[in-house]
């Protein structure tokens, strides 16, 4: 459904989608019934239909009692965890792995190629130094990926 705004179509308080013409309140009530919630009353909402002054304001959604569950596997850490050197290195690897064309292996090799492995040290490297970083026994990072890294960390 591609309905984004609500406009009254008659004085009876019926609200229709301006795109498809479907009655939005009926759709909302049907969705609520499917979720197992019962309507409190069958009477229409006693509030007046929106006017030109209230159309520009955002429609306030009712708060539900449900709490969204935290996604599985996602742990929330406290900022103090960054005091651990291995955690800081893992964060840098994940940051570099987000660059298009990169993965964790390439990011880990670049960080390991620098003594401190900090982004400041990587920023101080030349394009040639980064391009010569060994990824495997016969593969180096290459100019294109090194250039992408320099564009991101500048």
C-alpha atoms as a PDB file:
ATOM      1  CA  UNK A   1       0.000   0.000   0.000  1.00  0.00           C
ATOM      2  CA  UNK A   2       1.465   3.326  -0.996  1.00  0.00           C
ATOM      3  CA  UNK A   3      -0.800   5.601   1.062  1.00  0.00           C
ATOM      4  CA  UNK A   4       1.001   8.414   2.809  1.00  0.00           C
ATOM      5  CA  UNK A   5      -1.475  11.214   3.523  1.00  0.00           C
ATOM      6  CA  UNK A   6      -5.013  11.352   4.744  1.00  0.00           C
ATOM      7  CA  UNK A   7      -7.655  13.699   3.386  1.00  0.00           C
ATOM      8  CA  UNK A   8     -11.327  13.867   4.328  1.00  0.00           C
ATOM      9  CA  UNK A   9     -13.634  13.150   1.428  1.00  0.00           C
ATOM     10  CA  UNK A  10     -16.949  14.032   3.039  1.00  0.00           C
ATOM     11  CA  UNK A  11     -18.404  15.594   6.158  1.00  0.00           C
ATOM     12  CA  UNK A  12     -19.098  12.178   7.702  1.00  0.00           C
ATOM     13  CA  UNK A  13     -15.521  11.885   8.963  1.00  0.00           C
ATOM     14  CA  UNK A  14     -14.542   9.206   6.445  1.00  0.00           C
ATOM     15  CA  UNK A  15     -10.809   9.314   5.684  1.00  0.00           C
ATOM     16  CA  UNK A  16      -9.601   8.136   2.288  1.00  0.00           C
ATOM     17  CA  UNK A  17      -6.187   7.612   0.807  1.00  0.00           C
ATOM     18  CA  UNK A  18      -5.603  10.260  -1.883  1.00  0.00           C
ATOM     19  CA  UNK A  19      -3.659   7.742  -3.989  1.00  0.00           C
ATOM     20  CA  UNK A  20      -5.899   4.683  -4.102  1.00  0.00           C
ATOM     21  CA  UNK A  21      -9.168   5.928  -2.592  1.00  0.00           C
ATOM     22  CA  UNK A  22      -9.421   3.184   0.047  1.00  0.00           C
ATOM     23  CA  UNK A  23     -10.966   4.017   3.394  1.00  0.00           C
ATOM     24  CA  UNK A  24      -8.053   4.202   5.827  1.00  0.00           C
ATOM     25  CA  UNK A  25      -9.961   3.834   9.078  1.00  0.00           C
ATOM     26  CA  UNK A  26     -11.556   0.607   7.889  1.00  0.00           C
ATOM     27  CA  UNK A  27      -8.112  -0.776   6.928  1.00  0.00           C
ATOM     28  CA  UNK A  28      -6.657   0.230  10.311  1.00  0.00           C
ATOM     29  CA  UNK A  29      -9.541  -1.398  12.193  1.00  0.00           C
ATOM     30  CA  UNK A  30      -9.208  -4.601  10.159  1.00  0.00           C
ATOM     31  CA  UNK A  31      -5.492  -4.749  10.889  1.00  0.00           C
ATOM     32  CA  UNK A  32      -6.149  -4.215  14.601  1.00  0.00           C
ATOM     33  CA  UNK A  33      -8.686  -7.068  14.627  1.00  0.00           C
ATOM     34  CA  UNK A  34      -6.176  -9.380  12.930  1.00  0.00           C
ATOM     35  CA  UNK A  35      -3.647  -8.588  15.652  1.00  0.00           C
ATOM     36  CA  UNK A  36      -6.162  -9.812  18.233  1.00  0.00           C
ATOM     37  CA  UNK A  37      -7.125  -6.413  19.554  1.00  0.00           C
ATOM     38  CA  UNK A  38     -10.793  -5.617  19.982  1.00  0.00           C
ATOM     39  CA  UNK A  39     -12.257  -2.259  19.187  1.00  0.00           C
ATOM     40  CA  UNK A  40     -13.425  -0.343  22.199  1.00  0.00           C
ATOM     41  CA  UNK A  41     -16.498   1.057  20.452  1.00  0.00           C
ATOM     42  CA  UNK A  42     -18.184   0.718  17.108  1.00  0.00           C
ATOM     43  CA  UNK A  43     -19.023   4.427  16.984  1.00  0.00           C
ATOM     44  CA  UNK A  44     -16.968   6.711  14.757  1.00  0.00           C
ATOM     45  CA  UNK A  45     -14.357   8.939  16.350  1.00  0.00           C
ATOM     46  CA  UNK A  46     -16.096  11.999  17.845  1.00  0.00           C
ATOM     47  CA  UNK A  47     -13.175  14.263  16.925  1.00  0.00           C
ATOM     48  CA  UNK A  48     -13.865  16.614  14.019  1.00  0.00           C
ATOM     49  CA  UNK A  49     -12.380  15.851  10.613  1.00  0.00           C
ATOM     50  CA  UNK A  50      -8.991  17.458   9.959  1.00  0.00           C
ATOM     51  CA  UNK A  51      -9.072  21.047   8.761  1.00  0.00           C
ATOM     52  CA  UNK A  52      -6.566  22.970   6.716  1.00  0.00           C
ATOM     53  CA  UNK A  53      -4.817  24.055   9.921  1.00  0.00           C
ATOM     54  CA  UNK A  54      -4.469  20.510  11.264  1.00  0.00           C
ATOM     55  CA  UNK A  55      -3.502  18.840   7.972  1.00  0.00           C
ATOM     56  CA  UNK A  56       0.048  20.153   8.146  1.00  0.00           C
ATOM     57  CA  UNK A  57       0.637  18.710  11.609  1.00  0.00           C
ATOM     58  CA  UNK A  58       1.838  15.138  11.909  1.00  0.00           C
ATOM     59  CA  UNK A  59      -0.808  12.636  12.926  1.00  0.00           C
ATOM     60  CA  UNK A  60       0.003  11.299  16.365  1.00  0.00           C
ATOM     61  CA  UNK A  61       0.068   7.504  16.575  1.00  0.00           C
ATOM     62  CA  UNK A  62      -1.322   5.845  19.691  1.00  0.00           C
ATOM     63  CA  UNK A  63       1.289   4.236  21.902  1.00  0.00           C
ATOM     64  CA  UNK A  64       1.083   0.497  22.296  1.00  0.00           C
ATOM     65  CA  UNK A  65       1.916  -1.449  25.402  1.00  0.00           C
ATOM     66  CA  UNK A  66       4.166  -3.818  23.470  1.00  0.00           C
ATOM     67  CA  UNK A  67       7.896  -3.451  23.718  1.00  0.00           C
ATOM     68  CA  UNK A  68       9.962  -4.301  20.675  1.00  0.00           C
ATOM     69  CA  UNK A  69      12.240  -7.249  21.349  1.00  0.00           C
ATOM     70  CA  UNK A  70      15.947  -6.745  20.838  1.00  0.00           C
ATOM     71  CA  UNK A  71      17.220  -8.527  17.705  1.00  0.00           C
ATOM     72  CA  UNK A  72      18.837 -11.874  18.403  1.00  0.00           C
ATOM     73  CA  UNK A  73      22.602 -11.935  18.422  1.00  0.00           C
ATOM     74  CA  UNK A  74      22.858  -8.181  18.933  1.00  0.00           C
ATOM     75  CA  UNK A  75      24.520  -7.281  22.204  1.00  0.00           C
ATOM     76  CA  UNK A  76      24.692  -3.798  23.606  1.00  0.00           C
ATOM     77  CA  UNK A  77      28.108  -2.943  24.996  1.00  0.00           C
ATOM     78  CA  UNK A  78      29.061  -0.051  27.209  1.00  0.00           C
ATOM     79  CA  UNK A  79      31.510   2.553  25.839  1.00  0.00           C
ATOM     80  CA  UNK A  80      34.141   1.398  28.349  1.00  0.00           C
ATOM     81  CA  UNK A  81      34.693  -1.763  26.327  1.00  0.00           C
ATOM     82  CA  UNK A  82      36.771   0.311  23.879  1.00  0.00           C
ATOM     83  CA  UNK A  83      39.581   0.439  26.422  1.00  0.00           C
ATOM     84  CA  UNK A  84      40.526  -3.094  25.319  1.00  0.00           C
ATOM     85  CA  UNK A  85      43.094  -3.069  22.481  1.00  0.00           C
ATOM     86  CA  UNK A  86      41.580  -6.070  20.656  1.00  0.00           C
ATOM     87  CA  UNK A  87      38.147  -4.438  20.669  1.00  0.00           C
ATOM     88  CA  UNK A  88      39.548  -1.246  19.137  1.00  0.00           C
ATOM     89  CA  UNK A  89      41.255  -3.300  16.428  1.00  0.00           C
ATOM     90  CA  UNK A  90      38.036  -5.226  15.705  1.00  0.00           C
ATOM     91  CA  UNK A  91      36.128  -1.942  15.400  1.00  0.00           C
ATOM     92  CA  UNK A  92      38.695  -0.607  12.908  1.00  0.00           C
ATOM     93  CA  UNK A  93      38.431  -3.825  10.885  1.00  0.00           C
ATOM     94  CA  UNK A  94      34.639  -3.502  10.756  1.00  0.00           C
ATOM     95  CA  UNK A  95      34.901   0.154   9.739  1.00  0.00           C
ATOM     96  CA  UNK A  96      37.243  -0.593   6.840  1.00  0.00           C
ATOM     97  CA  UNK A  97      35.197  -3.630   5.797  1.00  0.00           C
ATOM     98  CA  UNK A  98      32.281  -1.277   5.066  1.00  0.00           C
ATOM     99  CA  UNK A  99      34.168   0.335   2.170  1.00  0.00           C
ATOM    100  CA  UNK A 100      32.844  -0.894  -1.203  1.00  0.00           C
ATOM    101  CA  UNK A 101      35.105  -3.631  -2.573  1.00  0.00           C
ATOM    102  CA  UNK A 102      36.555  -4.421   0.841  1.00  0.00           C
ATOM    103  CA  UNK A 103      36.010  -7.301   3.231  1.00  0.00           C
ATOM    104  CA  UNK A 104      37.244  -8.195   6.709  1.00  0.00           C
ATOM    105  CA  UNK A 105      40.281 -10.079   5.410  1.00  0.00           C
ATOM    106  CA  UNK A 106      41.583  -7.097   3.426  1.00  0.00           C
ATOM    107  CA  UNK A 107      40.847  -4.721   6.297  1.00  0.00           C
ATOM    108  CA  UNK A 108      42.639  -6.961   8.811  1.00  0.00           C
ATOM    109  CA  UNK A 109      45.710  -7.213   6.522  1.00  0.00           C
ATOM    110  CA  UNK A 110      45.931  -3.425   6.140  1.00  0.00           C
ATOM    111  CA  UNK A 111      45.631  -2.860   9.882  1.00  0.00           C
ATOM    112  CA  UNK A 112      48.205  -5.589  10.633  1.00  0.00           C
ATOM    113  CA  UNK A 113      50.615  -4.049   8.093  1.00  0.00           C
ATOM    114  CA  UNK A 114      50.872  -0.893  10.204  1.00  0.00           C
ATOM    115  CA  UNK A 115      52.653  -1.063  13.584  1.00  0.00           C
ATOM    116  CA  UNK A 116      49.949   0.653  15.639  1.00  0.00           C
ATOM    117  CA  UNK A 117      47.081  -0.151  13.252  1.00  0.00           C
ATOM    118  CA  UNK A 118      45.379   3.196  13.845  1.00  0.00           C
ATOM    119  CA  UNK A 119      43.421   5.067  11.201  1.00  0.00           C
ATOM    120  CA  UNK A 120      45.766   8.030  11.674  1.00  0.00           C
ATOM    121  CA  UNK A 121      48.714   5.859  10.711  1.00  0.00           C
ATOM    122  CA  UNK A 122      46.830   4.483   7.708  1.00  0.00           C
ATOM    123  CA  UNK A 123      45.976   8.053   6.643  1.00  0.00           C
ATOM    124  CA  UNK A 124      49.690   8.877   6.733  1.00  0.00           C
ATOM    125  CA  UNK A 125      50.515   6.057   4.309  1.00  0.00           C
ATOM    126  CA  UNK A 126      51.075   6.766   0.642  1.00  0.00           C
ATOM    127  CA  UNK A 127      49.056   5.211  -2.151  1.00  0.00           C
ATOM    128  CA  UNK A 128      52.028   3.022  -3.118  1.00  0.00           C
ATOM    129  CA  UNK A 129      52.532   1.745   0.433  1.00  0.00           C
ATOM    130  CA  UNK A 130      48.890   0.772   0.733  1.00  0.00           C
ATOM    131  CA  UNK A 131      48.785  -0.822  -2.726  1.00  0.00           C
ATOM    132  CA  UNK A 132      51.709  -3.113  -1.780  1.00  0.00           C
ATOM    133  CA  UNK A 133      50.056  -4.515   1.370  1.00  0.00           C
ATOM    134  CA  UNK A 134      50.046  -8.327   1.130  1.00  0.00           C
ATOM    135  CA  UNK A 135      46.579  -9.898   1.245  1.00  0.00           C
ATOM    136  CA  UNK A 136      47.730 -13.439   0.533  1.00  0.00           C
ATOM    137  CA  UNK A 137      51.010 -14.991  -0.621  1.00  0.00           C
ATOM    138  CA  UNK A 138      50.513 -13.894  -4.224  1.00  0.00           C
ATOM    139  CA  UNK A 139      47.998 -11.022  -3.900  1.00  0.00           C
ATOM    140  CA  UNK A 140      48.446  -7.409  -2.904  1.00  0.00           C
ATOM    141  CA  UNK A 141      45.804  -4.820  -2.131  1.00  0.00           C
ATOM    142  CA  UNK A 142      46.168  -2.972  -5.426  1.00  0.00           C
ATOM    143  CA  UNK A 143      45.877   0.629  -6.461  1.00  0.00           C
ATOM    144  CA  UNK A 144      42.079   0.742  -6.864  1.00  0.00           C
ATOM    145  CA  UNK A 145      41.320  -0.524  -3.338  1.00  0.00           C
ATOM    146  CA  UNK A 146      44.118   1.600  -1.848  1.00  0.00           C
ATOM    147  CA  UNK A 147      42.653   4.686  -3.551  1.00  0.00           C
ATOM    148  CA  UNK A 148      39.191   3.844  -2.187  1.00  0.00           C
ATOM    149  CA  UNK A 149      40.643   3.575   1.309  1.00  0.00           C
ATOM    150  CA  UNK A 150      42.417   6.921   1.030  1.00  0.00           C
ATOM    151  CA  UNK A 151      39.235   8.604  -0.215  1.00  0.00           C
ATOM    152  CA  UNK A 152      37.333   7.297   2.828  1.00  0.00           C
ATOM    153  CA  UNK A 153      39.889   8.039   5.550  1.00  0.00           C
ATOM    154  CA  UNK A 154      40.882  11.508   4.298  1.00  0.00           C
END
